[in-house]
């Protein structure tokens, strides 16, 4: 009689904390716990309780537009005391949302800002968030938009690269409404002097973008804003 030998699978040590997976449904605490053990992951977001881990992005569709937007915001922050900005930082919005937006501007709490730093994380909603999206089909204009609106983000800017368009939304009475540009220039309602020449930005004409922003920084509205912030 031939005897058969039952071979068992070798035991494999499983990690104590599971890794993040695209599409996982997690609490914010569990999302952070898993994210922190994955230093090789550069970007992961929790949007409405669902994990999103974007694919690698190209310079043309994301990296270079991102650079120009951050340059624009950084120039404004340099001329406006009491304002801070960030790039690809995780935001603790609520128990179901921890996005990692492309950029944001916020007022310091002592200057009336609604977000604050807790354990090194921005907690609460920055006044302005900027995202670079592929198109209007992106979750930046759906799930993220709803999460930002519900958490009180005052202004939301989305650059739709494939559509060659920039959308600027302002929170009014609990709804995001499109901000209308004047003479092709968007003018922030929350950050006076933050002006954006959208056509120049779309054409990668950063010199023109910064020229128009400089005009905004030289405006009476910006001067009054700086004086008000200094008074606080």
Protein backbone atom coordinates (compact mmCIF):
# COMPACT_ATOMS: atom_id res chain seq x y z
CA UNK A 1 0.00 0.00 0.00
CA UNK A 2 1.31 3.42 -0.90
CA UNK A 3 1.14 5.89 1.91
CA UNK A 4 0.34 9.49 1.21
CA UNK A 5 1.98 12.33 3.06
CA UNK A 6 -0.04 15.45 3.83
CA UNK A 7 2.12 18.52 3.37
CA UNK A 8 1.02 21.55 5.37
CA UNK A 9 1.67 25.06 4.13
CA UNK A 10 4.59 26.79 5.76
CA UNK A 11 3.46 29.35 8.27
CA UNK A 12 3.78 32.95 7.15
CA UNK A 13 3.97 35.71 9.70
CA UNK A 14 1.27 38.24 9.02
CA UNK A 15 1.90 41.87 9.89
CA UNK A 16 0.33 42.97 13.15
CA UNK A 17 -1.28 45.90 11.33
CA UNK A 18 -2.77 45.30 7.86
CA UNK A 19 -1.59 47.56 5.04
CA UNK A 20 -3.81 50.13 3.39
CA UNK A 21 -5.70 48.93 0.34
CA UNK A 22 -7.48 51.07 -2.21
CA UNK A 23 -11.21 50.88 -1.51
CA UNK A 24 -10.92 49.86 2.16
CA UNK A 25 -13.68 51.19 4.41
CA UNK A 26 -11.99 52.45 7.59
CA UNK A 27 -12.37 54.81 10.48
CA UNK A 28 -10.00 57.75 10.53
CA UNK A 29 -8.06 56.33 13.48
CA UNK A 30 -7.55 52.99 11.72
CA UNK A 31 -6.63 54.76 8.48
CA UNK A 32 -3.88 56.71 10.27
CA UNK A 33 -2.65 53.57 12.07
CA UNK A 34 -2.17 51.72 8.77
CA UNK A 35 -0.80 54.73 6.90
CA UNK A 36 1.92 55.30 9.50
CA UNK A 37 3.42 51.82 8.98
CA UNK A 38 3.73 52.36 5.21
CA UNK A 39 6.54 54.92 4.73
CA UNK A 40 6.86 53.90 1.08
CA UNK A 41 3.36 55.21 0.33
CA UNK A 42 3.45 58.89 -0.61
CA UNK A 43 -0.25 59.60 -0.86
CA UNK A 44 -3.34 57.98 0.62
CA UNK A 45 -6.62 59.66 1.49
CA UNK A 46 -9.71 58.77 3.48
CA UNK A 47 -12.74 60.28 1.76
CA UNK A 48 -16.18 59.59 3.21
CA UNK A 49 -14.77 56.56 5.01
CA UNK A 50 -13.17 55.02 1.89
CA UNK A 51 -9.42 54.74 1.22
CA UNK A 52 -8.17 56.29 -2.04
CA UNK A 53 -4.62 55.60 -3.20
CA UNK A 54 -4.00 57.46 -6.48
CA UNK A 55 -1.82 55.99 -9.21
CA UNK A 56 1.53 57.62 -10.07
CA UNK A 57 1.10 60.96 -11.78
CA UNK A 58 2.98 62.55 -14.65
CA UNK A 59 4.74 65.90 -14.72
CA UNK A 60 2.50 67.20 -17.50
CA UNK A 61 -0.82 66.23 -15.93
CA UNK A 62 0.02 66.94 -12.30
CA UNK A 63 3.58 67.73 -11.22
CA UNK A 64 4.12 70.94 -13.17
CA UNK A 65 0.61 72.38 -12.64
CA UNK A 66 1.06 71.58 -8.95
CA UNK A 67 4.36 73.44 -8.85
CA UNK A 68 2.82 76.57 -10.40
CA UNK A 69 -0.14 76.56 -8.01
CA UNK A 70 2.08 76.19 -4.97
CA UNK A 71 4.32 79.02 -6.25
CA UNK A 72 1.24 81.25 -6.55
CA UNK A 73 0.01 80.44 -3.04
CA UNK A 74 3.49 80.76 -1.55
CA UNK A 75 3.91 84.22 -3.04
CA UNK A 76 0.63 85.30 -1.42
CA UNK A 77 1.57 83.78 1.94
CA UNK A 78 4.91 85.67 1.86
CA UNK A 79 3.06 88.98 1.66
CA UNK A 80 0.30 88.19 4.14
CA UNK A 81 1.21 87.74 7.83
CA UNK A 82 -1.10 85.43 9.76
CA UNK A 83 -1.52 83.05 6.81
CA UNK A 84 0.00 79.59 6.52
CA UNK A 85 0.00 77.15 3.62
CA UNK A 86 0.64 73.49 3.06
CA UNK A 87 1.39 71.00 0.31
CA UNK A 88 0.22 67.35 0.37
CA UNK A 89 -0.42 67.36 4.11
CA UNK A 90 -3.05 65.10 5.65
CA UNK A 91 -5.98 67.07 7.05
CA UNK A 92 -8.11 65.75 9.89
CA UNK A 93 -11.50 67.00 8.76
CA UNK A 94 -13.89 64.66 10.56
CA UNK A 95 -14.16 61.01 11.61
CA UNK A 96 -14.66 59.83 8.00
CA UNK A 97 -12.37 62.18 6.11
CA UNK A 98 -8.62 62.68 6.11
CA UNK A 99 -7.74 64.02 2.66
CA UNK A 100 -4.28 64.98 1.47
CA UNK A 101 -5.00 67.98 -0.77
CA UNK A 102 -2.51 69.30 -3.27
CA UNK A 103 -2.34 72.64 -1.43
CA UNK A 104 -4.19 74.79 1.07
CA UNK A 105 -4.14 78.19 2.75
CA UNK A 106 -5.34 78.76 6.29
CA UNK A 107 -5.56 81.60 8.75
CA UNK A 108 -3.83 81.12 12.07
CA UNK A 109 -6.34 80.56 14.92
CA UNK A 110 -5.29 83.83 16.58
CA UNK A 111 -6.21 85.57 13.33
CA UNK A 112 -9.64 84.00 13.20
CA UNK A 113 -8.74 80.75 11.44
CA UNK A 114 -11.01 77.75 11.86
CA UNK A 115 -8.26 75.06 11.70
CA UNK A 116 -5.46 74.39 14.17
CA UNK A 117 -2.43 72.16 14.55
CA UNK A 118 -2.89 69.17 16.86
CA UNK A 119 -0.06 66.64 17.12
CA UNK A 120 1.40 68.21 13.99
CA UNK A 121 -1.76 67.65 11.90
CA UNK A 122 -4.05 70.36 10.59
CA UNK A 123 -7.32 69.63 12.35
CA UNK A 124 -10.46 71.26 11.01
CA UNK A 125 -11.06 72.89 7.65
CA UNK A 126 -8.54 75.30 6.11
CA UNK A 127 -10.16 78.35 4.58
CA UNK A 128 -8.97 77.50 1.04
CA UNK A 129 -8.13 74.15 -0.57
CA UNK A 130 -6.69 73.61 -4.06
CA UNK A 131 -6.78 70.31 -5.96
CA UNK A 132 -5.48 69.25 -9.37
CA UNK A 133 -7.89 66.86 -11.05
CA UNK A 134 -7.83 64.99 -14.33
CA UNK A 135 -11.34 66.02 -15.35
CA UNK A 136 -14.85 66.71 -14.08
CA UNK A 137 -15.27 62.95 -13.55
CA UNK A 138 -12.63 62.97 -10.80
CA UNK A 139 -13.57 62.39 -7.16
CA UNK A 140 -12.18 65.87 -6.47
CA UNK A 141 -15.45 67.24 -7.89
CA UNK A 142 -17.70 64.65 -6.29
CA UNK A 143 -16.89 62.88 -3.00
CA UNK A 144 -14.18 65.35 -1.99
CA UNK A 145 -16.28 68.37 -2.89
CA UNK A 146 -19.11 67.13 -0.65
CA UNK A 147 -16.71 66.41 2.23
CA UNK A 148 -15.08 69.84 1.95
CA UNK A 149 -18.45 71.59 1.77
CA UNK A 150 -19.84 69.74 4.78
CA UNK A 151 -16.76 70.53 6.85
CA UNK A 152 -16.85 74.25 6.09
CA UNK A 153 -14.01 74.81 3.62
CA UNK A 154 -14.68 78.41 2.61
CA UNK A 155 -13.19 78.28 -0.90
CA UNK A 156 -12.32 75.34 -3.11
CA UNK A 157 -10.26 75.60 -6.30
CA UNK A 158 -10.01 72.71 -8.78
CA UNK A 159 -7.74 72.73 -11.82
CA UNK A 160 -9.14 70.24 -14.36
CA UNK A 161 -6.03 69.59 -16.42
CA UNK A 162 -7.53 67.53 -19.24
CA UNK A 163 -10.44 69.95 -19.56
CA UNK A 164 -8.11 72.99 -19.50
CA UNK A 165 -10.34 74.69 -16.93
CA UNK A 166 -10.17 76.04 -13.38
CA UNK A 167 -13.21 76.02 -11.10
CA UNK A 168 -13.38 78.24 -8.03
CA UNK A 169 -16.15 77.54 -5.52
CA UNK A 170 -17.21 79.71 -2.59
CA UNK A 171 -19.22 78.40 0.37
CA UNK A 172 -22.43 80.37 0.72
CA UNK A 173 -25.26 79.31 3.05
CA UNK A 174 -23.97 75.74 3.18
CA UNK A 175 -23.56 75.37 -0.59
CA UNK A 176 -20.60 75.66 -2.94
CA UNK A 177 -21.36 78.26 -5.60
CA UNK A 178 -19.09 79.13 -8.54
CA UNK A 179 -17.06 82.30 -8.11
CA UNK A 180 -17.30 84.45 -11.21
CA UNK A 181 -14.04 85.96 -12.52
CA UNK A 182 -13.84 89.64 -13.44
CA UNK A 183 -11.82 90.47 -16.54
CA UNK A 184 -10.52 86.89 -16.51
CA UNK A 185 -9.26 87.19 -12.93
CA UNK A 186 -10.55 85.27 -9.93
CA UNK A 187 -10.49 87.31 -6.71
CA UNK A 188 -10.72 85.41 -3.44
CA UNK A 189 -13.47 86.49 -1.05
CA UNK A 190 -11.72 84.97 1.97
CA UNK A 191 -8.14 86.06 1.24
CA UNK A 192 -8.29 89.63 -0.15
CA UNK A 193 -5.59 90.20 -2.73
CA UNK A 194 -5.36 86.55 -3.75
CA UNK A 195 -5.95 87.08 -7.45
CA UNK A 196 -5.63 84.39 -10.10
CA UNK A 197 -5.28 85.01 -13.83
CA UNK A 198 -6.75 81.65 -14.79
CA UNK A 199 -5.86 81.77 -18.51
CA UNK A 200 -2.24 82.51 -17.67
CA UNK A 201 -2.16 79.65 -15.17
CA UNK A 202 -3.63 77.26 -17.74
CA UNK A 203 -0.96 78.35 -20.24
CA UNK A 204 1.86 77.85 -17.70
CA UNK A 205 2.63 81.58 -17.84
CA UNK A 206 3.78 81.81 -14.24
CA UNK A 207 5.33 85.26 -14.76
CA UNK A 208 1.90 86.64 -15.70
CA UNK A 209 0.23 84.78 -12.84
CA UNK A 210 2.60 86.38 -10.33
CA UNK A 211 2.28 89.79 -11.99
CA UNK A 212 -1.49 89.73 -11.46
CA UNK A 213 -1.07 88.43 -7.93
CA UNK A 214 1.30 91.31 -7.19
CA UNK A 215 -1.47 93.69 -8.29
CA UNK A 216 -3.76 91.99 -5.81
CA UNK A 217 -1.19 92.32 -3.03
CA UNK A 218 -0.94 96.05 -3.83
CA UNK A 219 -4.71 96.56 -3.65
CA UNK A 220 -6.43 98.53 -0.86
CA UNK A 221 -8.40 95.38 0.03
CA UNK A 222 -5.22 93.47 0.81
CA UNK A 223 -3.76 96.37 2.79
CA UNK A 224 -6.91 96.52 4.91
CA UNK A 225 -6.80 92.73 5.40
CA UNK A 226 -3.19 92.84 6.61
CA UNK A 227 -4.04 95.66 9.01
CA UNK A 228 -6.98 93.67 10.35
CA UNK A 229 -4.84 90.56 10.87
CA UNK A 230 -2.15 92.59 12.63
CA UNK A 231 -4.79 94.03 14.95
CA UNK A 232 -5.63 90.54 16.17
